[in-house]
Amino acid sequence: MRDLRNASGSLRLLIRRPQFDKDELYEILTTVRPLYRGEPPRDFAHLAEFNTEVVARIEAVHRSAN
């Protein structure tokens, strides 16, 4: 959650600027990490849907950067 809050705050600051480039956006978005990769640990099973969404979004950012 801390990663998402930090990224959200950084994005708010970035969009207030008249211009920003793809690298600046990518730098912020790559700070967001999933809780886990692969099968969810028992303690995080209830968050599996949210984690899957985070992983998908991270992978989309990486694909768009290449």
PDB file of N, CA and C in Angstrom:
ATOM      1  N   MET A   1       0.818  -1.193   0.000  1.00  0.00           N
ATOM      2  CA  MET A   1       0.000   0.000   0.000  1.00  0.00           C
ATOM      3  C   MET A   1       0.861   1.256   0.000  1.00  0.00           C
ATOM      4  N   ARG A   2       1.987   1.179   0.669  1.00  0.00           N
ATOM      5  CA  ARG A   2       2.880   2.342   0.710  1.00  0.00           C
ATOM      6  C   ARG A   2       3.359   2.689  -0.700  1.00  0.00           C
ATOM      7  N   ASP A   3       3.690   1.668  -1.487  1.00  0.00           N
ATOM      8  CA  ASP A   3       4.127   1.922  -2.862  1.00  0.00           C
ATOM      9  C   ASP A   3       3.055   2.649  -3.660  1.00  0.00           C
ATOM     10  N   LEU A   4       1.811   2.207  -3.497  1.00  0.00           N
ATOM     11  CA  LEU A   4       0.711   2.833  -4.233  1.00  0.00           C
ATOM     12  C   LEU A   4       0.473   4.267  -3.775  1.00  0.00           C
ATOM     13  N   ARG A   5       0.541   4.494  -2.471  1.00  0.00           N
ATOM     14  CA  ARG A   5       0.355   5.869  -1.957  1.00  0.00           C
ATOM     15  C   ARG A   5       1.467   6.792  -2.450  1.00  0.00           C
ATOM     16  N   ASN A   6       2.701   6.308  -2.388  1.00  0.00           N
ATOM     17  CA  ASN A   6       3.822   7.128  -2.851  1.00  0.00           C
ATOM     18  C   ASN A   6       3.718   7.423  -4.335  1.00  0.00           C
ATOM     19  N   ALA A   7       3.384   6.416  -5.122  1.00  0.00           N
ATOM     20  CA  ALA A   7       3.248   6.614  -6.566  1.00  0.00           C
ATOM     21  C   ALA A   7       2.107   7.580  -6.867  1.00  0.00           C
ATOM     22  N   SER A   8       1.013   7.443  -6.139  1.00  0.00           N
ATOM     23  CA  SER A   8      -0.125   8.330  -6.347  1.00  0.00           C
ATOM     24  C   SER A   8       0.258   9.786  -6.072  1.00  0.00           C
ATOM     25  N   GLY A   9       0.956  10.017  -4.974  1.00  0.00           N
ATOM     26  CA  GLY A   9       1.402  11.375  -4.655  1.00  0.00           C
ATOM     27  C   GLY A   9       2.375  11.915  -5.682  1.00  0.00           C
ATOM     28  N   SER A  10       3.294  11.084  -6.121  1.00  0.00           N
ATOM     29  CA  SER A  10       4.267  11.504  -7.134  1.00  0.00           C
ATOM     30  C   SER A  10       3.579  11.810  -8.461  1.00  0.00           C
ATOM     31  N   LEU A  11       2.578  11.012  -8.809  1.00  0.00           N
ATOM     32  CA  LEU A  11       1.836  11.271 -10.050  1.00  0.00           C
ATOM     33  C   LEU A  11       1.062  12.580  -9.967  1.00  0.00           C
ATOM     34  N   ARG A  12       0.486  12.861  -8.804  1.00  0.00           N
ATOM     35  CA  ARG A  12      -0.221  14.146  -8.639  1.00  0.00           C
ATOM     36  C   ARG A  12       0.726  15.323  -8.853  1.00  0.00           C
ATOM     37  N   LEU A  13       1.924  15.228  -8.306  1.00  0.00           N
ATOM     38  CA  LEU A  13       2.904  16.298  -8.507  1.00  0.00           C
ATOM     39  C   LEU A  13       3.329  16.396  -9.970  1.00  0.00           C
ATOM     40  N   LEU A  14       3.509  15.252 -10.605  1.00  0.00           N
ATOM     41  CA  LEU A  14       3.959  15.236 -11.991  1.00  0.00           C
ATOM     42  C   LEU A  14       2.928  15.861 -12.928  1.00  0.00           C
ATOM     43  N   ILE A  15       1.658  15.541 -12.733  1.00  0.00           N
ATOM     44  CA  ILE A  15       0.647  16.067 -13.663  1.00  0.00           C
ATOM     45  C   ILE A  15       0.355  17.548 -13.459  1.00  0.00           C
ATOM     46  N   ARG A  16       0.809  18.108 -12.362  1.00  0.00           N
ATOM     47  CA  ARG A  16       0.651  19.555 -12.158  1.00  0.00           C
ATOM     48  C   ARG A  16       1.619  20.365 -13.011  1.00  0.00           C
ATOM     49  N   ARG A  17       2.678  19.700 -13.452  1.00  0.00           N
ATOM     50  CA  ARG A  17       3.669  20.388 -14.282  1.00  0.00           C
ATOM     51  C   ARG A  17       3.126  20.556 -15.696  1.00  0.00           C
ATOM     52  N   PRO A  18       3.548  21.601 -16.392  1.00  0.00           N
ATOM     53  CA  PRO A  18       3.064  21.814 -17.759  1.00  0.00           C
ATOM     54  C   PRO A  18       3.465  20.678 -18.712  1.00  0.00           C
ATOM     55  N   GLN A  19       4.620  20.080 -18.471  1.00  0.00           N
ATOM     56  CA  GLN A  19       5.086  19.001 -19.335  1.00  0.00           C
ATOM     57  C   GLN A  19       5.878  17.988 -18.531  1.00  0.00           C
ATOM     58  N   PHE A  20       5.818  16.751 -18.962  1.00  0.00           N
ATOM     59  CA  PHE A  20       6.677  15.712 -18.422  1.00  0.00           C
ATOM     60  C   PHE A  20       6.884  14.682 -19.518  1.00  0.00           C
ATOM     61  N   ASP A  21       7.945  13.905 -19.385  1.00  0.00           N
ATOM     62  CA  ASP A  21       8.214  12.937 -20.446  1.00  0.00           C
ATOM     63  C   ASP A  21       7.954  11.509 -19.961  1.00  0.00           C
ATOM     64  N   LYS A  22       8.026  10.613 -20.900  1.00  0.00           N
ATOM     65  CA  LYS A  22       7.734   9.210 -20.638  1.00  0.00           C
ATOM     66  C   LYS A  22       8.664   8.628 -19.570  1.00  0.00           C
ATOM     67  N   ASP A  23       9.925   9.015 -19.591  1.00  0.00           N
ATOM     68  CA  ASP A  23      10.878   8.498 -18.606  1.00  0.00           C
ATOM     69  C   ASP A  23      10.509   8.907 -17.186  1.00  0.00           C
ATOM     70  N   GLU A  24      10.041  10.123 -16.999  1.00  0.00           N
ATOM     71  CA  GLU A  24       9.631  10.575 -15.671  1.00  0.00           C
ATOM     72  C   GLU A  24       8.419   9.782 -15.175  1.00  0.00           C
ATOM     73  N   LEU A  25       7.480   9.541 -16.066  1.00  0.00           N
ATOM     74  CA  LEU A  25       6.311   8.747 -15.714  1.00  0.00           C
ATOM     75  C   LEU A  25       6.716   7.312 -15.388  1.00  0.00           C
ATOM     76  N   TYR A  26       7.564   6.746 -16.204  1.00  0.00           N
ATOM     77  CA  TYR A  26       8.038   5.376 -16.003  1.00  0.00           C
ATOM     78  C   TYR A  26       8.771   5.248 -14.669  1.00  0.00           C
ATOM     79  N   GLU A  27       9.554   6.238 -14.326  1.00  0.00           N
ATOM     80  CA  GLU A  27      10.304   6.217 -13.060  1.00  0.00           C
ATOM     81  C   GLU A  27       9.361   6.097 -11.861  1.00  0.00           C
ATOM     82  N   ILE A  28       8.256   6.787 -11.907  1.00  0.00           N
ATOM     83  CA  ILE A  28       7.286   6.721 -10.813  1.00  0.00           C
ATOM     84  C   ILE A  28       6.566   5.371 -10.810  1.00  0.00           C
ATOM     85  N   LEU A  29       6.111   4.952 -11.955  1.00  0.00           N
ATOM     86  CA  LEU A  29       5.311   3.734 -12.025  1.00  0.00           C
ATOM     87  C   LEU A  29       6.096   2.476 -11.684  1.00  0.00           C
ATOM     88  N   THR A  30       7.387   2.498 -11.900  1.00  0.00           N
ATOM     89  CA  THR A  30       8.180   1.308 -11.595  1.00  0.00           C
ATOM     90  C   THR A  30       8.477   1.150 -10.109  1.00  0.00           C
ATOM     91  N   THR A  31       8.059   2.105  -9.294  1.00  0.00           N
ATOM     92  CA  THR A  31       8.252   1.967  -7.842  1.00  0.00           C
ATOM     93  C   THR A  31       7.155   1.136  -7.191  1.00  0.00           C
ATOM     94  N   VAL A  32       6.092   0.845  -7.944  1.00  0.00           N
ATOM     95  CA  VAL A  32       4.992   0.043  -7.412  1.00  0.00           C
ATOM     96  C   VAL A  32       5.343  -1.434  -7.566  1.00  0.00           C
ATOM     97  N   ARG A  33       5.274  -2.173  -6.453  1.00  0.00           N
ATOM     98  CA  ARG A  33       5.616  -3.598  -6.457  1.00  0.00           C
ATOM     99  C   ARG A  33       4.412  -4.429  -6.029  1.00  0.00           C
ATOM    100  N   PRO A  34       4.275  -5.621  -6.598  1.00  0.00           N
ATOM    101  CA  PRO A  34       3.197  -6.496  -6.145  1.00  0.00           C
ATOM    102  C   PRO A  34       3.518  -7.072  -4.763  1.00  0.00           C
ATOM    103  N   LEU A  35       2.495  -7.561  -4.081  1.00  0.00           N
ATOM    104  CA  LEU A  35       2.711  -8.210  -2.787  1.00  0.00           C
ATOM    105  C   LEU A  35       3.504  -9.500  -2.951  1.00  0.00           C
ATOM    106  N   TYR A  36       3.246 -10.216  -4.045  1.00  0.00           N
ATOM    107  CA  TYR A  36       3.897 -11.492  -4.314  1.00  0.00           C
ATOM    108  C   TYR A  36       3.789 -11.793  -5.796  1.00  0.00           C
ATOM    109  N   ARG A  37       4.544 -12.753  -6.255  1.00  0.00           N
ATOM    110  CA  ARG A  37       4.449 -13.273  -7.628  1.00  0.00           C
ATOM    111  C   ARG A  37       4.075 -14.743  -7.524  1.00  0.00           C
ATOM    112  N   GLY A  38       3.287 -15.228  -8.458  1.00  0.00           N
ATOM    113  CA  GLY A  38       2.896 -16.638  -8.445  1.00  0.00           C
ATOM    114  C   GLY A  38       1.716 -16.891  -7.528  1.00  0.00           C
ATOM    115  N   GLU A  39       1.716 -18.033  -6.904  1.00  0.00           N
ATOM    116  CA  GLU A  39       0.621 -18.420  -6.003  1.00  0.00           C
ATOM    117  C   GLU A  39       0.630 -17.543  -4.751  1.00  0.00           C
ATOM    118  N   PRO A  40      -0.555 -17.113  -4.329  1.00  0.00           N
ATOM    119  CA  PRO A  40      -0.597 -16.250  -3.142  1.00  0.00           C
ATOM    120  C   PRO A  40      -0.293 -17.017  -1.860  1.00  0.00           C
ATOM    121  N   PRO A  41       0.520 -16.422  -1.007  1.00  0.00           N
ATOM    122  CA  PRO A  41       0.694 -17.012   0.323  1.00  0.00           C
ATOM    123  C   PRO A  41      -0.659 -16.995   1.056  1.00  0.00           C
ATOM    124  N   ARG A  42      -0.851 -17.899   1.958  1.00  0.00           N
ATOM    125  CA  ARG A  42      -2.136 -18.026   2.658  1.00  0.00           C
ATOM    126  C   ARG A  42      -2.585 -16.697   3.277  1.00  0.00           C
ATOM    127  N   ASP A  43      -1.653 -15.954   3.853  1.00  0.00           N
ATOM    128  CA  ASP A  43      -2.005 -14.688   4.506  1.00  0.00           C
ATOM    129  C   ASP A  43      -2.464 -13.608   3.527  1.00  0.00           C
ATOM    130  N   PHE A  44      -2.138 -13.777   2.257  1.00  0.00           N
ATOM    131  CA  PHE A  44      -2.495 -12.768   1.257  1.00  0.00           C
ATOM    132  C   PHE A  44      -3.547 -13.266   0.264  1.00  0.00           C
ATOM    133  N   ALA A  45      -4.074 -14.441   0.477  1.00  0.00           N
ATOM    134  CA  ALA A  45      -5.024 -15.037  -0.473  1.00  0.00           C
ATOM    135  C   ALA A  45      -6.234 -14.128  -0.717  1.00  0.00           C
ATOM    136  N   HIS A  46      -6.696 -13.436   0.304  1.00  0.00           N
ATOM    137  CA  HIS A  46      -7.863 -12.561   0.149  1.00  0.00           C
ATOM    138  C   HIS A  46      -7.560 -11.331  -0.716  1.00  0.00           C
ATOM    139  N   LEU A  47      -6.295 -11.070  -0.983  1.00  0.00           N
ATOM    140  CA  LEU A  47      -5.889  -9.923  -1.809  1.00  0.00           C
ATOM    141  C   LEU A  47      -5.475 -10.349  -3.219  1.00  0.00           C
ATOM    142  N   ALA A  48      -5.701 -11.615  -3.557  1.00  0.00           N
ATOM    143  CA  ALA A  48      -5.226 -12.152  -4.838  1.00  0.00           C
ATOM    144  C   ALA A  48      -5.746 -11.357  -6.035  1.00  0.00           C
ATOM    145  N   GLU A  49      -7.000 -10.986  -6.031  1.00  0.00           N
ATOM    146  CA  GLU A  49      -7.572 -10.242  -7.159  1.00  0.00           C
ATOM    147  C   GLU A  49      -6.877  -8.889  -7.339  1.00  0.00           C
ATOM    148  N   PHE A  50      -6.634  -8.195  -6.259  1.00  0.00           N
ATOM    149  CA  PHE A  50      -5.965  -6.897  -6.324  1.00  0.00           C
ATOM    150  C   PHE A  50      -4.506  -7.050  -6.762  1.00  0.00           C
ATOM    151  N   ASN A  51      -3.856  -8.067  -6.236  1.00  0.00           N
ATOM    152  CA  ASN A  51      -2.457  -8.296  -6.602  1.00  0.00           C
ATOM    153  C   ASN A  51      -2.331  -8.639  -8.083  1.00  0.00           C
ATOM    154  N   THR A  52      -3.263  -9.431  -8.600  1.00  0.00           N
ATOM    155  CA  THR A  52      -3.256  -9.775 -10.023  1.00  0.00           C
ATOM    156  C   THR A  52      -3.381  -8.521 -10.878  1.00  0.00           C
ATOM    157  N   GLU A  53      -4.232  -7.613 -10.449  1.00  0.00           N
ATOM    158  CA  GLU A  53      -4.400  -6.343 -11.175  1.00  0.00           C
ATOM    159  C   GLU A  53      -3.123  -5.521 -11.134  1.00  0.00           C
ATOM    160  N   VAL A  54      -2.469  -5.443  -9.994  1.00  0.00           N
ATOM    161  CA  VAL A  54      -1.211  -4.703  -9.875  1.00  0.00           C
ATOM    162  C   VAL A  54      -0.148  -5.309 -10.788  1.00  0.00           C
ATOM    163  N   VAL A  55      -0.027  -6.630 -10.779  1.00  0.00           N
ATOM    164  CA  VAL A  55       0.952  -7.304 -11.643  1.00  0.00           C
ATOM    165  C   VAL A  55       0.656  -7.005 -13.107  1.00  0.00           C
ATOM    166  N   ALA A  56      -0.602  -7.077 -13.507  1.00  0.00           N
ATOM    167  CA  ALA A  56      -0.975  -6.802 -14.903  1.00  0.00           C
ATOM    168  C   ALA A  56      -0.626  -5.371 -15.300  1.00  0.00           C
ATOM    169  N   ARG A  57      -0.870  -4.430 -14.416  1.00  0.00           N
ATOM    170  CA  ARG A  57      -0.559  -3.023 -14.714  1.00  0.00           C
ATOM    171  C   ARG A  57       0.943  -2.792 -14.796  1.00  0.00           C
ATOM    172  N   ILE A  58       1.698  -3.423 -13.906  1.00  0.00           N
ATOM    173  CA  ILE A  58       3.155  -3.294 -13.940  1.00  0.00           C
ATOM    174  C   ILE A  58       3.689  -3.849 -15.261  1.00  0.00           C
ATOM    175  N   GLU A  59       3.192  -5.010 -15.659  1.00  0.00           N
ATOM    176  CA  GLU A  59       3.657  -5.618 -16.901  1.00  0.00           C
ATOM    177  C   GLU A  59       3.279  -4.764 -18.107  1.00  0.00           C
ATOM    178  N   ALA A  60       2.113  -4.113 -18.067  1.00  0.00           N
ATOM    179  CA  ALA A  60       1.710  -3.232 -19.154  1.00  0.00           C
ATOM    180  C   ALA A  60       2.649  -2.022 -19.267  1.00  0.00           C
ATOM    181  N   VAL A  61       3.061  -1.483 -18.134  1.00  0.00           N
ATOM    182  CA  VAL A  61       4.014  -0.360 -18.146  1.00  0.00           C
ATOM    183  C   VAL A  61       5.330  -0.814 -18.761  1.00  0.00           C
ATOM    184  N   HIS A  62       5.804  -1.982 -18.371  1.00  0.00           N
ATOM    185  CA  HIS A  62       7.066  -2.495 -18.927  1.00  0.00           C
ATOM    186  C   HIS A  62       6.960  -2.733 -20.436  1.00  0.00           C
ATOM    187  N   ARG A  63       5.820  -3.287 -20.881  1.00  0.00           N
ATOM    188  CA  ARG A  63       5.639  -3.512 -22.323  1.00  0.00           C
ATOM    189  C   ARG A  63       5.618  -2.196 -23.096  1.00  0.00           C
ATOM    190  N   SER A  64       4.970  -1.195 -22.550  1.00  0.00           N
ATOM    191  CA  SER A  64       4.868   0.078 -23.264  1.00  0.00           C
ATOM    192  C   SER A  64       6.193   0.818 -23.317  1.00  0.00           C
ATOM    193  N   ALA A  65       7.079   0.518 -22.381  1.00  0.00           N
ATOM    194  CA  ALA A  65       8.384   1.194 -22.351  1.00  0.00           C
ATOM    195  C   ALA A  65       9.360   0.613 -23.366  1.00  0.00           C
ATOM    196  N   ASN A  66       9.101  -0.564 -23.826  1.00  0.00           N
ATOM    197  CA  ASN A  66      10.016  -1.233 -24.773  1.00  0.00           C
ATOM    198  C   ASN A  66       9.634  -1.013 -26.197  1.00  0.00           C
TER     199      ASN A  66
END
